Amino acid sequence: MIQELLNYLSTNASYIMSQFMIHLYISVIGVVLTVIVGFPLGVFLSTNKKVAAFVIGGINIIQTIPSIGMLTILLILMGLGENTVIATVFLYSLLPIVNNTYVGLNNVDPVYVDSARGVGMSRFQVLYLVKVPLALPIILAGIRNALVISVGITTIGSFIGAGGLGDIILRGINITDGKAIIFVGAFLCALIALVMDRLFNWLVQDEG
């Protein structure tokens, strides 16, 4: 198997690299879009707790839908390609980002908030100069979880022609002796997830 692995790597290096970059692009872009929407939504919900239970409950329902089922639904609506997978990543990344933002902001020690208000800070200043910095480790942990989740979700994008490392794994499954090919795809998926997890774990510890 080692010889097969080396042969596959040497003859398909450019293809593997291109699929690696596609996989990374879809995973990161999907989560970035989720942060752009999910962070402000989490901030809004932290000040509107009656609405929060309804919205977070709805986002929780999304998590109960199997990823292949969600991909199929979006395929019908959006067609083949990367955008459909990015939309799937977006939906599955909402919960950790919105929920962690909501929880982080609501668990800031009231002493800090009262002190900020006591020195004349506005509501906006209290939020972005006091509450967000103190809640940042929890918020970053949510983004880290979303990135790790996105790597797995992106893998199934190969079923709708989006490319990525799932395409390598699928090729390995479709041939008689494709263990080496499957290993390459699976290893690179794990590598992306591990690097993202370690990076954000370092950021969370640094902020803490």
N, C-alpha and C. Protein backbone atom coordinates (compact mmCIF):
# COMPACT_ATOMS: atom_id res chain seq x y z
N MET A 1 0.83 -1.21 0.00
CA MET A 1 0.00 0.00 0.00
C MET A 1 0.86 1.26 0.00
N ILE A 2 2.00 1.20 0.68
CA ILE A 2 2.88 2.37 0.75
C ILE A 2 3.37 2.76 -0.64
N GLN A 3 3.74 1.73 -1.43
CA GLN A 3 4.20 2.00 -2.79
C GLN A 3 3.08 2.59 -3.64
N GLU A 4 1.88 2.08 -3.47
CA GLU A 4 0.72 2.61 -4.20
C GLU A 4 0.46 4.06 -3.79
N LEU A 5 0.62 4.32 -2.51
CA LEU A 5 0.41 5.68 -2.00
C LEU A 5 1.42 6.65 -2.59
N LEU A 6 2.68 6.24 -2.62
CA LEU A 6 3.73 7.09 -3.19
C LEU A 6 3.53 7.32 -4.68
N ASN A 7 3.12 6.27 -5.38
CA ASN A 7 2.87 6.39 -6.82
C ASN A 7 1.72 7.36 -7.09
N TYR A 8 0.66 7.24 -6.29
CA TYR A 8 -0.49 8.12 -6.48
C TYR A 8 -0.12 9.57 -6.19
N LEU A 9 0.65 9.80 -5.14
CA LEU A 9 1.05 11.16 -4.78
C LEU A 9 1.95 11.77 -5.86
N SER A 10 2.85 10.98 -6.39
CA SER A 10 3.80 11.51 -7.38
C SER A 10 3.13 11.81 -8.72
N THR A 11 2.14 11.01 -9.09
CA THR A 11 1.51 11.20 -10.40
C THR A 11 0.29 12.13 -10.36
N ASN A 12 -0.20 12.43 -9.16
CA ASN A 12 -1.41 13.26 -9.05
C ASN A 12 -1.24 14.45 -8.11
N ALA A 13 -0.01 14.89 -7.96
CA ALA A 13 0.29 15.96 -7.00
C ALA A 13 -0.51 17.24 -7.28
N SER A 14 -0.53 17.65 -8.55
CA SER A 14 -1.23 18.90 -8.89
C SER A 14 -2.74 18.76 -8.67
N TYR A 15 -3.29 17.61 -9.01
CA TYR A 15 -4.72 17.36 -8.81
C TYR A 15 -5.06 17.37 -7.32
N ILE A 16 -4.24 16.70 -6.52
CA ILE A 16 -4.46 16.64 -5.08
C ILE A 16 -4.41 18.04 -4.47
N MET A 17 -3.42 18.83 -4.90
CA MET A 17 -3.29 20.19 -4.38
C MET A 17 -4.50 21.05 -4.76
N SER A 18 -4.97 20.91 -5.99
CA SER A 18 -6.11 21.71 -6.43
C SER A 18 -7.37 21.35 -5.63
N GLN A 19 -7.57 20.05 -5.38
CA GLN A 19 -8.73 19.63 -4.59
C GLN A 19 -8.59 20.05 -3.13
N PHE A 20 -7.37 20.04 -2.64
CA PHE A 20 -7.10 20.50 -1.27
C PHE A 20 -7.49 21.97 -1.13
N MET A 21 -7.09 22.79 -2.10
CA MET A 21 -7.38 24.23 -2.05
C MET A 21 -8.87 24.50 -2.22
N ILE A 22 -9.54 23.73 -3.08
CA ILE A 22 -10.99 23.88 -3.24
C ILE A 22 -11.69 23.56 -1.93
N HIS A 23 -11.27 22.48 -1.29
CA HIS A 23 -11.86 22.05 -0.02
C HIS A 23 -11.66 23.13 1.04
N LEU A 24 -10.46 23.65 1.13
CA LEU A 24 -10.15 24.69 2.10
C LEU A 24 -10.95 25.95 1.82
N TYR A 25 -11.05 26.32 0.55
CA TYR A 25 -11.80 27.52 0.15
C TYR A 25 -13.27 27.41 0.55
N ILE A 26 -13.91 26.30 0.21
CA ILE A 26 -15.33 26.13 0.52
C ILE A 26 -15.56 26.16 2.03
N SER A 27 -14.71 25.46 2.77
CA SER A 27 -14.85 25.39 4.23
C SER A 27 -14.72 26.76 4.86
N VAL A 28 -13.68 27.49 4.48
CA VAL A 28 -13.41 28.79 5.10
C VAL A 28 -14.44 29.83 4.68
N ILE A 29 -14.76 29.90 3.38
CA ILE A 29 -15.73 30.89 2.90
C ILE A 29 -17.09 30.67 3.55
N GLY A 30 -17.51 29.41 3.66
CA GLY A 30 -18.79 29.11 4.29
C GLY A 30 -18.85 29.62 5.72
N VAL A 31 -17.76 29.42 6.47
CA VAL A 31 -17.73 29.86 7.87
C VAL A 31 -17.60 31.38 7.97
N VAL A 32 -16.81 31.98 7.08
CA VAL A 32 -16.69 33.45 7.08
C VAL A 32 -18.05 34.10 6.86
N LEU A 33 -18.81 33.58 5.91
CA LEU A 33 -20.15 34.11 5.67
C LEU A 33 -21.04 33.92 6.89
N THR A 34 -20.87 32.79 7.57
CA THR A 34 -21.66 32.54 8.77
C THR A 34 -21.30 33.52 9.89
N VAL A 35 -20.01 33.83 10.01
CA VAL A 35 -19.59 34.80 11.02
C VAL A 35 -20.20 36.17 10.72
N ILE A 36 -20.19 36.56 9.45
CA ILE A 36 -20.74 37.86 9.05
C ILE A 36 -22.22 37.97 9.44
N VAL A 37 -22.95 36.86 9.31
CA VAL A 37 -24.38 36.87 9.66
C VAL A 37 -24.60 36.45 11.11
N GLY A 38 -23.89 35.42 11.55
CA GLY A 38 -24.15 34.82 12.86
C GLY A 38 -23.71 35.66 14.04
N PHE A 39 -22.59 36.38 13.91
CA PHE A 39 -22.13 37.19 15.03
C PHE A 39 -23.11 38.33 15.34
N PRO A 40 -23.51 39.14 14.35
CA PRO A 40 -24.51 40.18 14.66
C PRO A 40 -25.83 39.59 15.16
N LEU A 41 -26.21 38.43 14.61
CA LEU A 41 -27.44 37.79 15.07
C LEU A 41 -27.32 37.38 16.54
N GLY A 42 -26.17 36.82 16.91
CA GLY A 42 -25.93 36.44 18.31
C GLY A 42 -25.95 37.65 19.23
N VAL A 43 -25.38 38.76 18.77
CA VAL A 43 -25.39 40.01 19.54
C VAL A 43 -26.83 40.49 19.74
N PHE A 44 -27.60 40.47 18.65
CA PHE A 44 -29.00 40.88 18.73
C PHE A 44 -29.78 40.01 19.71
N LEU A 45 -29.58 38.70 19.62
CA LEU A 45 -30.32 37.78 20.49
C LEU A 45 -29.94 37.94 21.95
N SER A 46 -28.68 38.33 22.21
CA SER A 46 -28.24 38.50 23.60
C SER A 46 -28.98 39.64 24.30
N THR A 47 -29.56 40.56 23.52
CA THR A 47 -30.32 41.66 24.11
C THR A 47 -31.82 41.48 23.90
N ASN A 48 -32.20 40.37 23.27
CA ASN A 48 -33.62 40.08 23.03
C ASN A 48 -33.88 38.60 23.35
N LYS A 49 -33.89 38.27 24.61
CA LYS A 49 -33.92 36.87 25.03
C LYS A 49 -35.22 36.17 24.69
N LYS A 50 -36.31 36.91 24.55
CA LYS A 50 -37.57 36.28 24.17
C LYS A 50 -37.50 35.76 22.74
N VAL A 51 -36.85 36.52 21.88
CA VAL A 51 -36.70 36.10 20.49
C VAL A 51 -35.65 34.99 20.38
N ALA A 52 -34.65 35.03 21.29
CA ALA A 52 -33.52 34.09 21.23
C ALA A 52 -33.96 32.64 21.28
N ALA A 53 -34.90 32.33 22.18
CA ALA A 53 -35.35 30.95 22.33
C ALA A 53 -35.95 30.43 21.03
N PHE A 54 -36.70 31.27 20.35
CA PHE A 54 -37.34 30.88 19.09
C PHE A 54 -36.31 30.70 17.98
N VAL A 55 -35.40 31.68 17.83
CA VAL A 55 -34.41 31.64 16.75
C VAL A 55 -33.42 30.50 16.93
N ILE A 56 -32.87 30.37 18.13
CA ILE A 56 -31.89 29.30 18.39
C ILE A 56 -32.56 27.93 18.26
N GLY A 57 -33.83 27.85 18.66
CA GLY A 57 -34.57 26.60 18.48
C GLY A 57 -34.69 26.24 17.01
N GLY A 58 -34.95 27.26 16.18
CA GLY A 58 -35.03 27.02 14.74
C GLY A 58 -33.70 26.58 14.16
N ILE A 59 -32.62 27.19 14.63
CA ILE A 59 -31.28 26.81 14.15
C ILE A 59 -30.96 25.38 14.60
N ASN A 60 -31.42 25.02 15.79
CA ASN A 60 -31.20 23.65 16.28
C ASN A 60 -31.88 22.62 15.38
N ILE A 61 -33.03 22.99 14.84
CA ILE A 61 -33.76 22.07 13.95
C ILE A 61 -32.93 21.76 12.70
N ILE A 62 -32.20 22.78 12.21
CA ILE A 62 -31.35 22.58 11.04
C ILE A 62 -30.33 21.47 11.30
N GLN A 63 -29.82 21.44 12.54
CA GLN A 63 -28.80 20.44 12.88
C GLN A 63 -29.33 19.01 12.87
N THR A 64 -30.66 18.87 12.99
CA THR A 64 -31.23 17.52 13.01
C THR A 64 -31.40 16.95 11.60
N ILE A 65 -31.29 17.80 10.58
CA ILE A 65 -31.43 17.33 9.20
C ILE A 65 -30.10 16.73 8.74
N PRO A 66 -30.07 15.50 8.27
CA PRO A 66 -28.80 14.91 7.79
C PRO A 66 -28.17 15.79 6.71
N SER A 67 -26.86 15.89 6.75
CA SER A 67 -26.16 16.80 5.83
C SER A 67 -26.43 16.46 4.37
N ILE A 68 -26.51 15.18 4.05
CA ILE A 68 -26.78 14.79 2.66
C ILE A 68 -28.20 15.20 2.25
N GLY A 69 -29.12 15.18 3.23
CA GLY A 69 -30.48 15.62 2.95
C GLY A 69 -30.54 17.12 2.71
N MET A 70 -29.82 17.88 3.54
CA MET A 70 -29.76 19.33 3.36
C MET A 70 -29.12 19.68 2.03
N LEU A 71 -28.06 18.95 1.69
CA LEU A 71 -27.38 19.20 0.41
C LEU A 71 -28.33 18.94 -0.76
N THR A 72 -29.15 17.92 -0.65
CA THR A 72 -30.10 17.59 -1.70
C THR A 72 -31.16 18.68 -1.85
N ILE A 73 -31.66 19.18 -0.72
CA ILE A 73 -32.65 20.26 -0.74
C ILE A 73 -32.08 21.50 -1.42
N LEU A 74 -30.86 21.86 -1.02
CA LEU A 74 -30.23 23.05 -1.60
C LEU A 74 -29.85 22.83 -3.06
N LEU A 75 -29.55 21.58 -3.41
CA LEU A 75 -29.26 21.26 -4.81
C LEU A 75 -30.46 21.56 -5.70
N ILE A 76 -31.64 21.21 -5.21
CA ILE A 76 -32.87 21.49 -5.96
C ILE A 76 -33.06 22.99 -6.14
N LEU A 77 -32.72 23.75 -5.09
CA LEU A 77 -32.95 25.20 -5.11
C LEU A 77 -31.85 25.96 -5.84
N MET A 78 -30.60 25.47 -5.72
CA MET A 78 -29.46 26.25 -6.20
C MET A 78 -28.69 25.60 -7.34
N GLY A 79 -28.89 24.32 -7.56
CA GLY A 79 -28.18 23.62 -8.62
C GLY A 79 -26.83 23.09 -8.18
N LEU A 80 -26.08 22.56 -9.14
CA LEU A 80 -24.77 21.97 -8.88
C LEU A 80 -23.72 23.04 -8.60
N GLY A 81 -22.63 22.62 -7.94
CA GLY A 81 -21.48 23.51 -7.80
C GLY A 81 -21.14 23.90 -6.37
N GLU A 82 -20.11 24.73 -6.28
CA GLU A 82 -19.56 25.12 -4.98
C GLU A 82 -20.54 25.91 -4.13
N ASN A 83 -21.33 26.77 -4.75
CA ASN A 83 -22.23 27.64 -3.99
C ASN A 83 -23.22 26.85 -3.13
N THR A 84 -23.66 25.72 -3.65
CA THR A 84 -24.59 24.88 -2.90
C THR A 84 -23.93 24.31 -1.65
N VAL A 85 -22.67 23.90 -1.78
CA VAL A 85 -21.93 23.36 -0.63
C VAL A 85 -21.64 24.48 0.38
N ILE A 86 -21.28 25.66 -0.13
CA ILE A 86 -21.03 26.80 0.77
C ILE A 86 -22.29 27.12 1.56
N ALA A 87 -23.45 27.08 0.90
CA ALA A 87 -24.72 27.34 1.60
C ALA A 87 -24.98 26.28 2.67
N THR A 88 -24.62 25.03 2.37
CA THR A 88 -24.79 23.95 3.35
C THR A 88 -23.88 24.17 4.55
N VAL A 89 -22.63 24.52 4.29
CA VAL A 89 -21.69 24.83 5.37
C VAL A 89 -22.22 25.99 6.21
N PHE A 90 -22.74 27.01 5.54
CA PHE A 90 -23.29 28.18 6.22
C PHE A 90 -24.38 27.77 7.22
N LEU A 91 -25.31 26.95 6.78
CA LEU A 91 -26.43 26.56 7.63
C LEU A 91 -25.99 25.74 8.83
N TYR A 92 -25.03 24.82 8.61
CA TYR A 92 -24.58 23.97 9.72
C TYR A 92 -23.60 24.69 10.66
N SER A 93 -23.06 25.82 10.20
CA SER A 93 -22.14 26.59 11.05
C SER A 93 -22.87 27.62 11.90
N LEU A 94 -24.14 27.84 11.63
CA LEU A 94 -24.89 28.86 12.36
C LEU A 94 -24.96 28.57 13.86
N LEU A 95 -25.27 27.33 14.22
CA LEU A 95 -25.50 27.02 15.63
C LEU A 95 -24.30 27.33 16.52
N PRO A 96 -23.11 26.79 16.23
CA PRO A 96 -21.99 27.09 17.14
C PRO A 96 -21.64 28.57 17.21
N ILE A 97 -21.77 29.29 16.11
CA ILE A 97 -21.40 30.71 16.11
C ILE A 97 -22.45 31.56 16.81
N VAL A 98 -23.71 31.38 16.44
CA VAL A 98 -24.79 32.16 17.06
C VAL A 98 -24.92 31.82 18.53
N ASN A 99 -24.92 30.54 18.84
CA ASN A 99 -25.11 30.11 20.23
C ASN A 99 -23.95 30.55 21.13
N ASN A 100 -22.72 30.41 20.64
CA ASN A 100 -21.57 30.80 21.46
C ASN A 100 -21.51 32.31 21.67
N THR A 101 -21.90 33.07 20.64
CA THR A 101 -21.95 34.52 20.78
C THR A 101 -23.00 34.91 21.82
N TYR A 102 -24.15 34.28 21.73
CA TYR A 102 -25.25 34.54 22.66
C TYR A 102 -24.86 34.19 24.09
N VAL A 103 -24.32 32.99 24.26
CA VAL A 103 -23.94 32.53 25.61
C VAL A 103 -22.79 33.36 26.16
N GLY A 104 -21.78 33.63 25.32
CA GLY A 104 -20.63 34.39 25.78
C GLY A 104 -21.00 35.77 26.27
N LEU A 105 -21.83 36.47 25.52
CA LEU A 105 -22.22 37.83 25.91
C LEU A 105 -23.09 37.84 27.15
N ASN A 106 -23.93 36.83 27.30
CA ASN A 106 -24.82 36.78 28.46
C ASN A 106 -24.13 36.29 29.72
N ASN A 107 -22.92 35.77 29.59
CA ASN A 107 -22.20 35.28 30.77
C ASN A 107 -21.07 36.21 31.22
N VAL A 108 -21.01 37.40 30.64
CA VAL A 108 -20.04 38.39 31.11
C VAL A 108 -20.44 38.84 32.50
N ASP A 109 -19.49 38.91 33.40
CA ASP A 109 -19.75 39.30 34.79
C ASP A 109 -20.43 40.68 34.83
N PRO A 110 -21.60 40.78 35.44
CA PRO A 110 -22.31 42.07 35.52
C PRO A 110 -21.50 43.19 36.17
N VAL A 111 -20.51 42.81 36.98
CA VAL A 111 -19.68 43.82 37.63
C VAL A 111 -18.97 44.69 36.60
N TYR A 112 -18.46 44.06 35.55
CA TYR A 112 -17.76 44.80 34.50
C TYR A 112 -18.71 45.72 33.74
N VAL A 113 -19.92 45.20 33.48
CA VAL A 113 -20.92 45.99 32.77
C VAL A 113 -21.34 47.20 33.60
N ASP A 114 -21.58 46.98 34.89
CA ASP A 114 -21.99 48.08 35.76
C ASP A 114 -20.88 49.11 35.89
N SER A 115 -19.63 48.65 35.95
CA SER A 115 -18.50 49.58 36.05
C SER A 115 -18.38 50.43 34.81
N ALA A 116 -18.59 49.79 33.63
CA ALA A 116 -18.53 50.54 32.37
C ALA A 116 -19.63 51.59 32.28
N ARG A 117 -20.81 51.20 32.70
CA ARG A 117 -21.91 52.17 32.70
C ARG A 117 -21.65 53.29 33.71
N GLY A 118 -20.99 52.94 34.80
CA GLY A 118 -20.70 53.93 35.84
C GLY A 118 -19.75 55.02 35.39
N VAL A 119 -18.87 54.69 34.42
CA VAL A 119 -17.93 55.71 33.92
C VAL A 119 -18.50 56.43 32.70
N GLY A 120 -19.75 56.17 32.40
CA GLY A 120 -20.42 56.94 31.34
C GLY A 120 -20.41 56.33 29.96
N MET A 121 -20.08 55.04 29.84
CA MET A 121 -20.10 54.41 28.53
C MET A 121 -21.52 54.25 28.02
N SER A 122 -21.69 54.40 26.71
CA SER A 122 -22.99 54.17 26.09
C SER A 122 -23.24 52.68 25.98
N ARG A 123 -24.47 52.31 25.62
CA ARG A 123 -24.81 50.90 25.45
C ARG A 123 -23.93 50.25 24.39
N PHE A 124 -23.68 50.97 23.30
CA PHE A 124 -22.83 50.46 22.23
C PHE A 124 -21.40 50.25 22.73
N GLN A 125 -20.88 51.21 23.49
CA GLN A 125 -19.51 51.10 24.01
C GLN A 125 -19.38 49.95 24.99
N VAL A 126 -20.39 49.76 25.82
CA VAL A 126 -20.37 48.64 26.77
C VAL A 126 -20.29 47.32 26.02
N LEU A 127 -21.07 47.24 24.93
CA LEU A 127 -21.11 46.00 24.15
C LEU A 127 -19.77 45.69 23.51
N TYR A 128 -19.22 46.66 22.74
CA TYR A 128 -18.05 46.38 21.91
C TYR A 128 -16.71 46.64 22.61
N LEU A 129 -16.73 47.38 23.71
CA LEU A 129 -15.48 47.64 24.42
C LEU A 129 -15.33 46.79 25.68
N VAL A 130 -16.44 46.24 26.15
CA VAL A 130 -16.39 45.46 27.39
C VAL A 130 -16.89 44.02 27.17
N LYS A 131 -18.13 43.87 26.73
CA LYS A 131 -18.74 42.55 26.66
C LYS A 131 -18.12 41.66 25.59
N VAL A 132 -17.93 42.21 24.37
CA VAL A 132 -17.37 41.39 23.28
C VAL A 132 -15.94 40.94 23.59
N PRO A 133 -15.03 41.83 24.05
CA PRO A 133 -13.68 41.36 24.39
C PRO A 133 -13.67 40.27 25.46
N LEU A 134 -14.54 40.41 26.47
CA LEU A 134 -14.58 39.41 27.54
C LEU A 134 -15.19 38.08 27.06
N ALA A 135 -16.11 38.17 26.10
CA ALA A 135 -16.75 36.96 25.58
C ALA A 135 -15.99 36.35 24.41
N LEU A 136 -14.93 37.01 23.96
CA LEU A 136 -14.23 36.58 22.75
C LEU A 136 -13.72 35.14 22.78
N PRO A 137 -13.17 34.64 23.91
CA PRO A 137 -12.74 33.23 23.90
C PRO A 137 -13.87 32.26 23.57
N ILE A 138 -15.06 32.52 24.10
CA ILE A 138 -16.21 31.64 23.83
C ILE A 138 -16.65 31.79 22.37
N ILE A 139 -16.65 33.03 21.87
CA ILE A 139 -17.04 33.28 20.49
C ILE A 139 -16.06 32.59 19.53
N LEU A 140 -14.77 32.70 19.81
CA LEU A 140 -13.75 32.05 18.97
C LEU A 140 -13.88 30.53 19.01
N ALA A 141 -14.26 30.00 20.18
CA ALA A 141 -14.46 28.55 20.28
C ALA A 141 -15.60 28.10 19.37
N GLY A 142 -16.63 28.92 19.26
CA GLY A 142 -17.74 28.60 18.36
C GLY A 142 -17.29 28.60 16.91
N ILE A 143 -16.46 29.59 16.55
CA ILE A 143 -15.94 29.65 15.18
C ILE A 143 -15.05 28.45 14.90
N ARG A 144 -14.24 28.07 15.88
CA ARG A 144 -13.37 26.90 15.73
C ARG A 144 -14.20 25.64 15.47
N ASN A 145 -15.26 25.46 16.26
CA ASN A 145 -16.12 24.30 16.07
C ASN A 145 -16.78 24.32 14.69
N ALA A 146 -17.18 25.50 14.25
CA ALA A 146 -17.81 25.63 12.94
C ALA A 146 -16.84 25.26 11.82
N LEU A 147 -15.58 25.66 11.95
CA LEU A 147 -14.58 25.33 10.94
C LEU A 147 -14.34 23.83 10.86
N VAL A 148 -14.26 23.18 12.00
CA VAL A 148 -14.05 21.73 12.01
C VAL A 148 -15.26 21.01 11.39
N ILE A 149 -16.47 21.47 11.74
CA ILE A 149 -17.68 20.90 11.16
C ILE A 149 -17.69 21.09 9.64
N SER A 150 -17.26 22.27 9.21
CA SER A 150 -17.31 22.60 7.78
C SER A 150 -16.45 21.67 6.94
N VAL A 151 -15.35 21.21 7.50
CA VAL A 151 -14.46 20.30 6.75
C VAL A 151 -15.19 19.01 6.40
N GLY A 152 -15.94 18.48 7.36
CA GLY A 152 -16.70 17.26 7.10
C GLY A 152 -17.85 17.48 6.13
N ILE A 153 -18.54 18.61 6.28
CA ILE A 153 -19.66 18.92 5.40
C ILE A 153 -19.18 19.08 3.96
N THR A 154 -18.04 19.75 3.79
CA THR A 154 -17.51 20.01 2.44
C THR A 154 -17.16 18.71 1.71
N THR A 155 -16.83 17.68 2.45
CA THR A 155 -16.46 16.40 1.85
C THR A 155 -17.58 15.83 0.97
N ILE A 156 -18.83 16.03 1.38
CA ILE A 156 -19.93 15.46 0.59
C ILE A 156 -20.23 16.30 -0.65
N GLY A 157 -19.54 17.43 -0.81
CA GLY A 157 -19.74 18.27 -1.98
C GLY A 157 -19.37 17.59 -3.29
N SER A 158 -18.56 16.55 -3.19
CA SER A 158 -18.16 15.83 -4.41
C SER A 158 -19.36 15.17 -5.10
N PHE A 159 -20.43 14.90 -4.35
CA PHE A 159 -21.61 14.25 -4.93
C PHE A 159 -22.36 15.19 -5.88
N ILE A 160 -22.10 16.50 -5.77
CA ILE A 160 -22.80 17.45 -6.66
C ILE A 160 -21.81 18.23 -7.53
N GLY A 161 -20.63 17.66 -7.71
CA GLY A 161 -19.66 18.25 -8.62
C GLY A 161 -18.95 19.48 -8.11
N ALA A 162 -18.87 19.63 -6.78
CA ALA A 162 -18.21 20.81 -6.21
C ALA A 162 -16.71 20.61 -6.04
N GLY A 163 -16.22 19.39 -6.18
CA GLY A 163 -14.81 19.11 -5.99
C GLY A 163 -14.46 19.02 -4.51
N GLY A 164 -13.18 19.20 -4.21
CA GLY A 164 -12.72 19.05 -2.84
C GLY A 164 -12.16 17.67 -2.59
N LEU A 165 -11.75 17.45 -1.36
CA LEU A 165 -11.11 16.18 -1.01
C LEU A 165 -12.08 15.00 -1.06
N GLY A 166 -13.36 15.30 -0.96
CA GLY A 166 -14.35 14.24 -1.10
C GLY A 166 -14.29 13.60 -2.48
N ASP A 167 -13.86 14.38 -3.47
CA ASP A 167 -13.73 13.86 -4.83
C ASP A 167 -12.65 12.78 -4.89
N ILE A 168 -11.56 13.01 -4.14
CA ILE A 168 -10.48 12.01 -4.09
C ILE A 168 -10.98 10.74 -3.41
N ILE A 169 -11.69 10.91 -2.29
CA ILE A 169 -12.21 9.75 -1.55
C ILE A 169 -13.19 8.97 -2.42
N LEU A 170 -14.05 9.68 -3.13
CA LEU A 170 -15.05 9.03 -3.98
C LEU A 170 -14.39 8.25 -5.11
N ARG A 171 -13.31 8.79 -5.67
CA ARG A 171 -12.58 8.07 -6.72
C ARG A 171 -11.98 6.78 -6.16
N GLY A 172 -11.47 6.86 -4.94
CA GLY A 172 -10.90 5.66 -4.32
C GLY A 172 -11.94 4.60 -4.07
N ILE A 173 -13.16 5.03 -3.71
CA ILE A 173 -14.24 4.08 -3.46
C ILE A 173 -14.69 3.40 -4.75
N ASN A 174 -14.63 4.15 -5.83
CA ASN A 174 -15.16 3.64 -7.11
C ASN A 174 -14.22 2.73 -7.88
N ILE A 175 -13.00 2.53 -7.39
CA ILE A 175 -12.10 1.60 -8.06
C ILE A 175 -11.84 0.40 -7.17
N THR A 176 -11.37 -0.67 -7.76
CA THR A 176 -11.21 -1.93 -7.03
C THR A 176 -10.22 -1.83 -5.89
N ASP A 177 -9.06 -1.28 -6.15
CA ASP A 177 -8.02 -1.21 -5.12
C ASP A 177 -7.68 0.27 -4.87
N GLY A 178 -8.58 0.95 -4.20
CA GLY A 178 -8.41 2.39 -4.02
C GLY A 178 -8.09 2.80 -2.59
N LYS A 179 -7.52 1.86 -1.82
CA LYS A 179 -7.24 2.17 -0.41
C LYS A 179 -6.30 3.37 -0.27
N ALA A 180 -5.28 3.41 -1.10
CA ALA A 180 -4.30 4.49 -1.01
C ALA A 180 -4.94 5.83 -1.32
N ILE A 181 -5.82 5.84 -2.32
CA ILE A 181 -6.49 7.08 -2.72
C ILE A 181 -7.42 7.56 -1.60
N ILE A 182 -8.18 6.62 -1.03
CA ILE A 182 -9.08 6.97 0.07
C ILE A 182 -8.28 7.52 1.25
N PHE A 183 -7.13 6.90 1.53
CA PHE A 183 -6.29 7.34 2.63
C PHE A 183 -5.81 8.77 2.43
N VAL A 184 -5.40 9.10 1.20
CA VAL A 184 -4.92 10.46 0.90
C VAL A 184 -6.02 11.48 1.18
N GLY A 185 -7.22 11.22 0.65
CA GLY A 185 -8.32 12.15 0.86
C GLY A 185 -8.70 12.29 2.31
N ALA A 186 -8.80 11.16 3.02
CA ALA A 186 -9.19 11.18 4.42
C ALA A 186 -8.12 11.86 5.29
N PHE A 187 -6.86 11.57 4.98
CA PHE A 187 -5.76 12.16 5.75
C PHE A 187 -5.73 13.69 5.60
N LEU A 188 -5.91 14.17 4.38
CA LEU A 188 -5.88 15.61 4.15
C LEU A 188 -7.08 16.31 4.78
N CYS A 189 -8.25 15.66 4.79
CA CYS A 189 -9.41 16.20 5.50
C CYS A 189 -9.10 16.34 6.99
N ALA A 190 -8.54 15.27 7.55
CA ALA A 190 -8.19 15.29 8.97
C ALA A 190 -7.14 16.36 9.26
N LEU A 191 -6.21 16.53 8.32
CA LEU A 191 -5.15 17.52 8.50
C LEU A 191 -5.73 18.94 8.55
N ILE A 192 -6.65 19.25 7.63
CA ILE A 192 -7.29 20.57 7.64
C ILE A 192 -8.03 20.80 8.95
N ALA A 193 -8.81 19.80 9.37
CA ALA A 193 -9.58 19.94 10.61
C ALA A 193 -8.67 20.12 11.82
N LEU A 194 -7.57 19.35 11.84
CA LEU A 194 -6.63 19.42 12.97
C LEU A 194 -5.94 20.78 13.03
N VAL A 195 -5.49 21.27 11.89
CA VAL A 195 -4.81 22.57 11.85
C VAL A 195 -5.75 23.69 12.29
N MET A 196 -6.99 23.66 11.78
CA MET A 196 -7.97 24.68 12.17
C MET A 196 -8.26 24.61 13.66
N ASP A 197 -8.42 23.41 14.18
CA ASP A 197 -8.70 23.24 15.60
C ASP A 197 -7.55 23.75 16.45
N ARG A 198 -6.32 23.40 16.09
CA ARG A 198 -5.15 23.85 16.85
C ARG A 198 -4.97 25.36 16.78
N LEU A 199 -5.23 25.93 15.60
CA LEU A 199 -5.09 27.37 15.43
C LEU A 199 -6.04 28.13 16.33
N PHE A 200 -7.30 27.72 16.32
CA PHE A 200 -8.27 28.42 17.14
C PHE A 200 -8.14 28.08 18.62
N ASN A 201 -7.67 26.91 18.92
CA ASN A 201 -7.39 26.58 20.32
C ASN A 201 -6.30 27.50 20.85
N TRP A 202 -5.30 27.76 20.03
CA TRP A 202 -4.23 28.70 20.41
C TRP A 202 -4.78 30.12 20.58
N LEU A 203 -5.66 30.54 19.67
CA LEU A 203 -6.24 31.88 19.76
C LEU A 203 -7.08 32.02 21.02
N VAL A 204 -7.88 30.99 21.33
CA VAL A 204 -8.72 31.04 22.53
C VAL A 204 -7.86 31.12 23.79
N GLN A 205 -6.80 30.30 23.85
CA GLN A 205 -5.92 30.33 25.01
C GLN A 205 -5.21 31.66 25.13
N ASP A 206 -4.83 32.22 23.98
CA ASP A 206 -4.14 33.51 23.97
C ASP A 206 -5.05 34.62 24.48
N GLU A 207 -6.33 34.56 24.05
CA GLU A 207 -7.28 35.57 24.50
C GLU A 207 -7.61 35.39 25.97
N GLY A 208 -7.59 34.12 26.42
CA GLY A 208 -7.87 33.86 27.83
C GLY A 208 -6.76 34.29 28.73
